[in-house]
Amino acid sequence: MEFHKIKIGENEAGQRCDRFLKKYLHNSSRGNIFKMLRKKIIRVNGKKTRENYLLQIGDIVEFRLNVDTLSELTGKKTTVNKDIVPNFTVIYEDSNILIVNKPAGVIVHPDQKHHTNTLVDMAAKYLYDKGEYDPREEVTFSPASVNRLDLNTSGMVLFAKNYKSLQILNELMRKDKIQKLYLALVKGSLPGTGEIRGYLQKDPQTNKVSVSQLSQGTKKIKAREIVTRYKAIKSYPAYTLLEMELVTGRPHQIRAHLQSIKHPLAGDPKYGDSTWNDYLRKKYGLKRQFLHAHSLSFGECTGILKHLTGRTFNCALPGELKKIIAKKRLV
């Protein structure tokens, strides 16, 4: 009986065997994968392999499973949605990365309410149309976003086109070597510069976070430290335009941090000031939160991304937000 075999290529090499298998057999549990490795149902180069083995280019992974079982465990996606029309502009692109300007209203990854037409889907379709990505030819890799923005936040999202660049970009993120700057319009006067610290908790039922000053070591609370820096660009008694830097990157971090210091984000339905939001919507047509990822800077990069060292990419405010800050006074 001929069993299914995979030859490891550049987009799979360097991964632990168990992590590769969890991506490929994503309908299988880790426990089941360990069991199949232990019983030699899954072999590498014809022999039993430990789960922590690092796959090499040219390795042959063999699945001693019948076709129906393998199909059930992989649930492999072999097509892109050809009806998708990419709704973004390209800021920068080379053979390894793609930086796009995401408009407000487009979600990066699927969630409970949005299952299709995500930014990830759009990036896959864009690269498919260019002939740079075909899911039928990939074992586990698909174009992956390295950062994410909320549904109604606009601006730059960084994608890896291959596994090597994804590894490097994720390492740069972990080492804080990619600086992400945002423009935010907030209520009240907040001149100068500053740093906001706190501990963030998430309520999974409401998908809302809160910020406290409780120590991360407190046993009664599961909280993660967050740090946000800001610099005032324009400051008036009623509002301030800030440039903000995410030092840590947590869900809703900027929005919750601004609420915690009583300078809520304009147009934010979840953490903002509803009365101010109503005023801005009626007078200036602001129907979204005023938050835009406008700058992405790379520190020291290595390997195939070395050419990005020291480079900064910028993305102008969208028209609907430009019109608002063009006013000398908003009240």
Protein backbone atom coordinates (compact mmCIF):
# COMPACT_ATOMS: atom_id res chain seq x y z
CA MET A 1 0.00 0.00 0.00
CA GLU A 2 1.34 3.43 -0.99
CA PHE A 3 1.05 5.96 1.84
CA HIS A 4 0.89 9.75 1.54
CA LYS A 5 4.29 11.47 1.66
CA ILE A 6 5.38 15.10 1.93
CA LYS A 7 8.77 16.44 0.94
CA ILE A 8 9.85 19.26 3.25
CA GLY A 9 10.61 22.53 1.46
CA GLU A 10 11.78 26.00 2.49
CA ASN A 11 8.42 26.99 4.00
CA GLU A 12 8.43 23.95 6.31
CA ALA A 13 12.13 23.50 7.19
CA GLY A 14 13.32 24.59 10.62
CA GLN A 15 10.07 23.77 12.40
CA ARG A 16 9.70 21.23 15.18
CA CYS A 17 8.09 18.10 13.83
CA ASP A 18 5.11 18.26 16.21
CA ARG A 19 4.40 21.91 15.39
CA PHE A 20 4.52 21.22 11.67
CA LEU A 21 2.18 18.26 12.12
CA LYS A 22 -0.29 20.31 14.19
CA LYS A 23 -0.52 22.80 11.32
CA TYR A 24 -0.92 20.09 8.71
CA LEU A 25 -3.25 17.88 10.75
CA HIS A 26 -5.10 20.79 12.32
CA ASN A 27 -8.20 18.67 13.02
CA SER A 28 -6.10 16.35 15.18
CA SER A 29 -5.24 16.84 18.85
CA ARG A 30 -1.62 17.17 19.95
CA GLY A 31 -2.08 14.01 22.00
CA ASN A 32 -3.13 12.08 18.92
CA ILE A 33 -0.14 13.43 16.97
CA PHE A 34 2.26 12.32 19.74
CA LYS A 35 0.59 8.90 19.71
CA MET A 36 1.01 8.55 15.91
CA LEU A 37 4.69 9.51 16.18
CA ARG A 38 5.22 7.07 19.05
CA LYS A 39 3.56 4.20 17.14
CA LYS A 40 5.39 5.07 13.88
CA ILE A 41 2.13 5.83 12.07
CA ILE A 42 3.89 9.06 11.12
CA ARG A 43 7.54 8.64 10.14
CA VAL A 44 10.29 10.93 8.90
CA ASN A 45 12.72 9.53 6.36
CA GLY A 46 11.26 6.07 6.93
CA LYS A 47 11.87 5.85 10.67
CA LYS A 48 10.44 6.77 14.05
CA THR A 49 11.00 10.43 14.93
CA ARG A 50 10.82 12.43 18.15
CA GLU A 51 8.35 15.31 18.33
CA ASN A 52 11.11 17.91 18.85
CA TYR A 53 13.05 16.94 15.71
CA LEU A 54 13.75 20.00 13.53
CA LEU A 55 12.66 19.32 9.98
CA GLN A 56 15.24 19.78 7.23
CA ILE A 57 14.83 20.62 3.55
CA GLY A 58 14.39 17.34 1.67
CA ASP A 59 13.04 15.33 4.63
CA ILE A 60 10.20 12.97 3.72
CA VAL A 61 7.27 12.85 6.13
CA GLU A 62 5.17 9.71 5.63
CA PHE A 63 1.61 9.26 6.90
CA ARG A 64 0.64 5.60 7.26
CA LEU A 65 -3.07 6.45 7.23
CA ASN A 66 -5.86 5.66 4.83
CA VAL A 67 -7.03 8.45 2.50
CA ASP A 68 -10.30 9.14 4.34
CA THR A 69 -8.63 9.43 7.76
CA LEU A 70 -5.89 11.71 6.41
CA SER A 71 -8.43 13.94 4.64
CA GLU A 72 -10.48 14.22 7.84
CA LEU A 73 -7.42 15.17 9.92
CA THR A 74 -6.04 17.75 7.48
CA GLY A 75 -9.19 19.50 6.28
CA LYS A 76 -6.68 21.07 3.90
CA LYS A 77 -7.72 24.26 2.14
CA THR A 78 -6.57 24.01 -1.48
CA THR A 79 -8.22 27.04 -3.05
CA VAL A 80 -8.52 30.77 -2.54
CA ASN A 81 -11.85 32.56 -2.79
CA LYS A 82 -11.72 33.92 -6.31
CA ASP A 83 -14.64 36.27 -5.64
CA ILE A 84 -12.62 38.29 -3.12
CA VAL A 85 -11.57 41.74 -4.27
CA PRO A 86 -8.55 42.95 -2.23
CA ASN A 87 -9.56 46.15 -0.45
CA PHE A 88 -6.22 47.65 0.48
CA THR A 89 -3.36 49.69 -0.98
CA VAL A 90 0.20 48.40 -1.02
CA ILE A 91 2.68 50.49 0.98
CA TYR A 92 5.73 48.30 0.32
CA GLU A 93 6.43 44.89 -1.15
CA ASP A 94 9.38 42.68 -1.95
CA SER A 95 9.85 38.94 -2.41
CA ASN A 96 9.52 38.27 1.33
CA ILE A 97 7.13 40.80 2.89
CA LEU A 98 4.03 42.81 2.06
CA ILE A 99 2.92 45.97 3.91
CA VAL A 100 -0.63 47.11 3.19
CA ASN A 101 -2.87 49.99 4.25
CA LYS A 102 -5.99 48.43 5.76
CA PRO A 103 -9.15 50.55 5.61
CA ALA A 104 -11.49 50.76 8.59
CA GLY A 105 -14.25 48.15 8.41
CA VAL A 106 -12.00 45.29 7.28
CA ILE A 107 -11.08 42.67 9.87
CA VAL A 108 -7.60 41.14 9.81
CA HIS A 109 -8.47 37.62 11.05
CA PRO A 110 -11.86 35.89 11.26
CA ASP A 111 -13.80 36.11 14.52
CA GLN A 112 -17.25 35.04 15.73
CA LYS A 113 -19.01 37.66 13.61
CA HIS A 114 -16.72 37.83 10.56
CA HIS A 115 -15.76 34.58 8.85
CA THR A 116 -14.88 35.59 5.32
CA ASN A 117 -13.44 38.49 3.34
CA THR A 118 -10.78 39.10 5.98
CA LEU A 119 -7.57 41.00 5.28
CA VAL A 120 -5.71 37.66 5.40
CA ASP A 121 -8.08 36.32 2.70
CA MET A 122 -7.48 39.46 0.64
CA ALA A 123 -3.70 39.17 0.93
CA ALA A 124 -3.85 35.52 -0.15
CA LYS A 125 -6.00 36.45 -3.17
CA TYR A 126 -3.68 39.35 -4.07
CA LEU A 127 -0.60 37.09 -4.02
CA TYR A 128 -2.47 34.30 -5.81
CA ASP A 129 -3.36 36.69 -8.63
CA LYS A 130 0.32 37.66 -8.89
CA GLY A 131 1.35 34.01 -9.10
CA GLU A 132 3.30 34.20 -5.82
CA TYR A 133 1.06 31.94 -3.73
CA ASP A 134 -0.92 28.82 -4.54
CA PRO A 135 -2.40 26.83 -1.64
CA ARG A 136 -2.30 23.67 -3.77
CA GLU A 137 1.49 23.86 -3.79
CA GLU A 138 1.93 24.69 -0.09
CA VAL A 139 1.93 22.07 2.65
CA THR A 140 1.14 24.23 5.67
CA PHE A 141 2.19 27.81 4.95
CA SER A 142 -0.13 30.63 3.91
CA PRO A 143 0.57 34.39 3.88
CA ALA A 144 0.51 35.49 7.52
CA SER A 145 0.00 38.85 9.19
CA VAL A 146 2.58 39.74 11.83
CA ASN A 147 0.56 42.50 13.48
CA ARG A 148 -3.17 43.07 13.65
CA LEU A 149 -5.50 46.03 13.88
CA ASP A 150 -9.04 46.27 15.23
CA LEU A 151 -11.91 46.17 12.75
CA ASN A 152 -12.40 49.95 12.75
CA THR A 153 -8.73 50.94 13.01
CA SER A 154 -7.04 51.79 9.72
CA GLY A 155 -3.41 51.69 8.69
CA MET A 156 -0.43 49.43 8.16
CA VAL A 157 -0.47 45.66 8.48
CA LEU A 158 2.68 43.64 7.84
CA PHE A 159 2.54 40.24 6.09
CA ALA A 160 5.14 37.51 5.68
CA LYS A 161 5.15 35.87 2.27
CA ASN A 162 7.12 32.80 3.36
CA TYR A 163 8.02 30.85 6.48
CA LYS A 164 11.60 32.20 6.76
CA SER A 165 10.43 35.81 6.78
CA LEU A 166 7.66 34.93 9.26
CA GLN A 167 10.23 33.48 11.67
CA ILE A 168 12.40 36.59 11.42
CA LEU A 169 9.49 39.03 11.75
CA ASN A 170 8.07 37.22 14.77
CA GLU A 171 11.51 37.35 16.41
CA LEU A 172 11.79 41.07 15.66
CA MET A 173 8.39 41.59 17.27
CA ARG A 174 9.42 39.64 20.37
CA LYS A 175 12.59 41.73 20.68
CA ASP A 176 10.72 45.02 20.12
CA LYS A 177 12.70 45.75 16.95
CA ILE A 178 9.66 46.82 14.96
CA GLN A 179 8.27 50.17 16.09
CA LYS A 180 4.56 50.75 15.47
CA LEU A 181 3.21 54.31 15.69
CA TYR A 182 -0.43 55.38 15.61
CA LEU A 183 -2.30 58.67 15.24
CA ALA A 184 -5.17 59.11 17.68
CA LEU A 185 -7.61 61.95 18.37
CA VAL A 186 -8.55 62.04 22.05
CA LYS A 187 -10.84 64.10 24.24
CA GLY A 188 -9.32 66.89 26.33
CA SER A 189 -5.88 68.49 26.55
CA LEU A 190 -2.93 66.11 26.82
CA PRO A 191 0.20 68.14 25.95
CA GLY A 192 3.81 66.99 25.85
CA THR A 193 4.94 63.38 26.05
CA GLY A 194 4.29 60.56 28.45
CA GLU A 195 4.13 56.86 29.14
CA ILE A 196 1.07 54.96 30.36
CA ARG A 197 1.46 51.71 32.28
CA GLY A 198 -1.03 49.28 33.70
CA TYR A 199 -2.32 45.72 33.72
CA LEU A 200 -4.89 44.57 31.23
CA GLN A 201 -7.70 42.10 31.88
CA LYS A 202 -10.05 40.74 29.23
CA ASP A 203 -13.68 39.72 29.68
CA PRO A 204 -14.23 37.02 27.02
CA GLN A 205 -18.02 37.36 27.27
CA THR A 206 -18.06 41.05 26.31
CA ASN A 207 -14.77 41.05 24.34
CA LYS A 208 -13.87 44.12 26.35
CA VAL A 209 -10.73 44.82 28.36
CA SER A 210 -10.07 46.89 31.44
CA VAL A 211 -6.90 48.46 32.81
CA SER A 212 -5.86 48.34 36.45
CA GLN A 213 -2.73 49.03 38.49
CA LEU A 214 -2.79 45.60 40.12
CA SER A 215 0.48 43.69 40.04
CA GLN A 216 0.81 40.89 37.53
CA GLY A 217 1.84 38.69 40.43
CA THR A 218 -1.51 39.07 42.20
CA LYS A 219 -3.02 35.58 42.28
CA LYS A 220 -6.65 36.71 42.26
CA ILE A 221 -6.36 38.37 38.88
CA LYS A 222 -5.07 37.28 35.48
CA ALA A 223 -3.59 40.42 33.99
CA ARG A 224 -0.86 41.28 31.51
CA GLU A 225 1.31 44.38 31.75
CA ILE A 226 0.79 46.97 29.03
CA VAL A 227 2.92 49.99 28.14
CA THR A 228 1.93 52.78 25.74
CA ARG A 229 3.89 55.95 24.95
CA TYR A 230 2.40 59.15 23.54
CA LYS A 231 3.48 62.48 22.08
CA ALA A 232 1.12 65.40 21.46
CA ILE A 233 1.12 66.71 17.89
CA LYS A 234 -1.69 69.25 18.38
CA SER A 235 -3.19 70.03 21.77
CA TYR A 236 -6.23 72.20 22.45
CA PRO A 237 -8.43 72.45 25.54
CA ALA A 238 -11.14 70.23 24.02
CA TYR A 239 -9.05 67.65 22.12
CA THR A 240 -5.53 66.44 21.34
CA LEU A 241 -4.01 64.73 18.32
CA LEU A 242 -1.50 62.19 19.62
CA GLU A 243 1.16 60.01 18.12
CA MET A 244 1.15 56.78 20.12
CA GLU A 245 3.64 53.93 20.32
CA LEU A 246 2.69 50.40 21.30
CA VAL A 247 5.52 49.13 23.46
CA THR A 248 3.49 46.02 24.26
CA GLY A 249 0.86 44.82 21.82
CA ARG A 250 -2.33 43.66 23.53
CA PRO A 251 -5.93 43.61 22.25
CA HIS A 252 -7.58 47.06 22.50
CA GLN A 253 -4.51 48.35 24.38
CA ILE A 254 -4.49 51.93 23.09
CA ARG A 255 -8.25 52.33 23.40
CA ALA A 256 -8.41 50.97 26.96
CA HIS A 257 -5.32 52.90 28.09
CA LEU A 258 -6.78 56.17 26.83
CA GLN A 259 -10.04 55.49 28.66
CA SER A 260 -8.10 54.71 31.85
CA ILE A 261 -6.45 58.17 31.88
CA LYS A 262 -9.77 59.91 31.06
CA HIS A 263 -8.79 60.91 27.51
CA PRO A 264 -11.04 58.59 25.49
CA LEU A 265 -10.49 58.00 21.80
CA ALA A 266 -12.77 59.92 19.43
CA GLY A 267 -15.46 57.77 17.82
CA ASP A 268 -14.71 54.70 19.95
CA PRO A 269 -18.05 52.95 20.62
CA LYS A 270 -16.64 50.58 23.23
CA TYR A 271 -14.29 52.69 25.35
CA GLY A 272 -15.11 56.24 24.27
CA ASP A 273 -17.36 59.08 25.47
CA SER A 274 -20.79 58.48 23.88
CA THR A 275 -21.87 62.14 24.13
CA TRP A 276 -18.69 63.39 22.42
CA ASN A 277 -18.95 60.62 19.85
CA ASP A 278 -22.54 61.66 19.01
CA TYR A 279 -21.39 65.27 18.57
CA LEU A 280 -18.51 64.30 16.26
CA ARG A 281 -20.75 62.02 14.23
CA LYS A 282 -23.46 64.64 13.71
CA LYS A 283 -21.16 67.59 13.03
CA TYR A 284 -18.22 65.95 11.23
CA GLY A 285 -19.58 62.59 10.08
CA LEU A 286 -17.12 60.56 12.19
CA LYS A 287 -18.53 57.04 12.12
CA ARG A 288 -15.43 55.15 13.27
CA GLN A 289 -12.75 55.40 15.93
CA PHE A 290 -10.03 57.92 15.14
CA LEU A 291 -7.08 55.55 15.29
CA HIS A 292 -4.67 54.99 12.40
CA ALA A 293 -1.43 52.95 12.24
CA HIS A 294 0.69 55.43 10.32
CA SER A 295 4.34 54.40 10.79
CA LEU A 296 6.29 51.15 10.85
CA SER A 297 10.06 51.18 11.52
CA PHE A 298 12.51 48.29 11.47
CA GLY A 299 15.48 47.95 13.77
CA GLU A 300 18.35 45.60 13.01
CA CYS A 301 17.13 42.81 10.73
CA THR A 302 18.88 39.58 9.81
CA GLY A 303 18.99 37.04 7.01
CA ILE A 304 16.69 37.59 4.03
CA LEU A 305 15.29 40.75 5.68
CA LYS A 306 18.62 42.43 6.35
CA HIS A 307 17.85 45.07 3.71
CA LEU A 308 15.02 46.38 5.91
CA THR A 309 17.37 47.47 8.72
CA GLY A 310 16.72 51.10 9.65
CA ARG A 311 13.87 51.56 7.17
CA THR A 312 10.64 53.37 8.02
CA PHE A 313 7.37 53.17 6.11
CA ASN A 314 4.58 55.71 6.48
CA CYS A 315 0.90 55.74 5.67
CA ALA A 316 -1.11 58.98 5.52
CA LEU A 317 -4.39 59.48 7.35
CA PRO A 318 -7.45 58.50 5.29
CA GLY A 319 -9.53 61.32 3.89
CA GLU A 320 -12.37 61.18 6.42
CA LEU A 321 -9.91 61.66 9.30
CA LYS A 322 -7.88 64.34 7.51
CA LYS A 323 -11.01 66.46 7.11
CA ILE A 324 -11.61 66.43 10.86
CA ILE A 325 -8.14 67.54 11.96
CA ALA A 326 -8.09 70.18 9.22
CA LYS A 327 -10.51 72.14 11.41
CA LYS A 328 -8.78 74.58 13.72
CA ARG A 329 -11.25 73.81 16.45
CA LEU A 330 -13.65 70.89 16.80
CA VAL A 331 -16.02 72.59 19.25
